[in-house]
Amino acid sequence: MSGLGVHDREAASHVEAIVRASGSSFRWGMRILPPDRRRAIYAVYAFCRVIDDIADEPGDIAERQARLDGWRAEIARLYDGADPTEPIGLALKPGIQRYGLPRPEFEALIDGMESDLRGDTLAPSSDALELYCRRVAGAVGILSMRCFGADQPEADEAAIALGEALQLTNILRDLGEDAADARLYLPNDLLDKHGIAERDPSAVLDHPALPAICRDLAAKANARFAEARGLIARCDRRTMRPAVMMMVGYEALLGRMEEAGWREPRRRSALPAWRRILLLRHLLA
């Protein structure tokens, strides 16, 4: 971290520790980036992690809303020329200045977390689910593309399509965990289509029509993966490599769930370690 001031180094170390503690495979894909870009994407990830934790953790809703409001104010300070007050804010500042990270995308992320906080995502409409995906995943994608160095319009379009595909895959993977938290992201129109009147998450998971709903949502995810792939092909291959790494891994995960058929919806699917390593080696070759 040579060339950084003491406070900048501390902030960079802080966000890297958050990324490392998450245990996410995200960290390995981002290691191929140059140091400045890697620090920028780590700061974005840390911001996402901390606001997601606020939305997910138990506790008083008003207090958690106040904390999200605090992060909204921190983003405002970064763009209005004031000094950030949080280590994550300080870590975000260089990326915002160097790579033009757009303020509306940070604010969209907070909007998405507020939806979870309010419980708006209990069997939402398909339109509401699409908006939620745009906020919590498309926004991350656009911010990430800027950190990667991909700033053409096709890159933003790819980020939105890929973000929705990734988020739908997450929803299908986390059915059991979400139900345990009284959350249900499966859209109400698909529930109605397949004759599920219940909206209690556990009851939906036990319904015999659940696999059909998951297949429909997986088809939507696959269509968005295909759309993202076509858009990525029109972008600079070098700058899109981290995005491709995430896409290939998640497509493989979705395929694994499709093969299993959602017969055990409370069991969280994951790719075996050997398969993740093979994917990584293929992409880095």
Foldseek 3Di string as FASTA:
>chain_A
DPPDDPLLVVLLVVLVVVVVVVVDPLLVLLVVAPPLLSLQLSLLVSLLVVLLCLLQDDDDLVVSVVVLVVVLVQLVCLVVVHDHDDSSSSSNNVLCVPQVLDSVLSVLLSVLSVCSSVQVQQQAAPVVLLSSLCNNFLSSQQNSLSSLVWDDPLSSVLRSLLSSLLVLLVLQQALQVQLVVQGHNQHPVLCVVQVNPDSNSVVLLVDPCNLVSNVVSNVSSVVSLVSSVVSCVVTDVNSCLSVVLVSVQSVVQSVVCVVVSSPPSNHGTHDDPVVNVVSVVVSVD
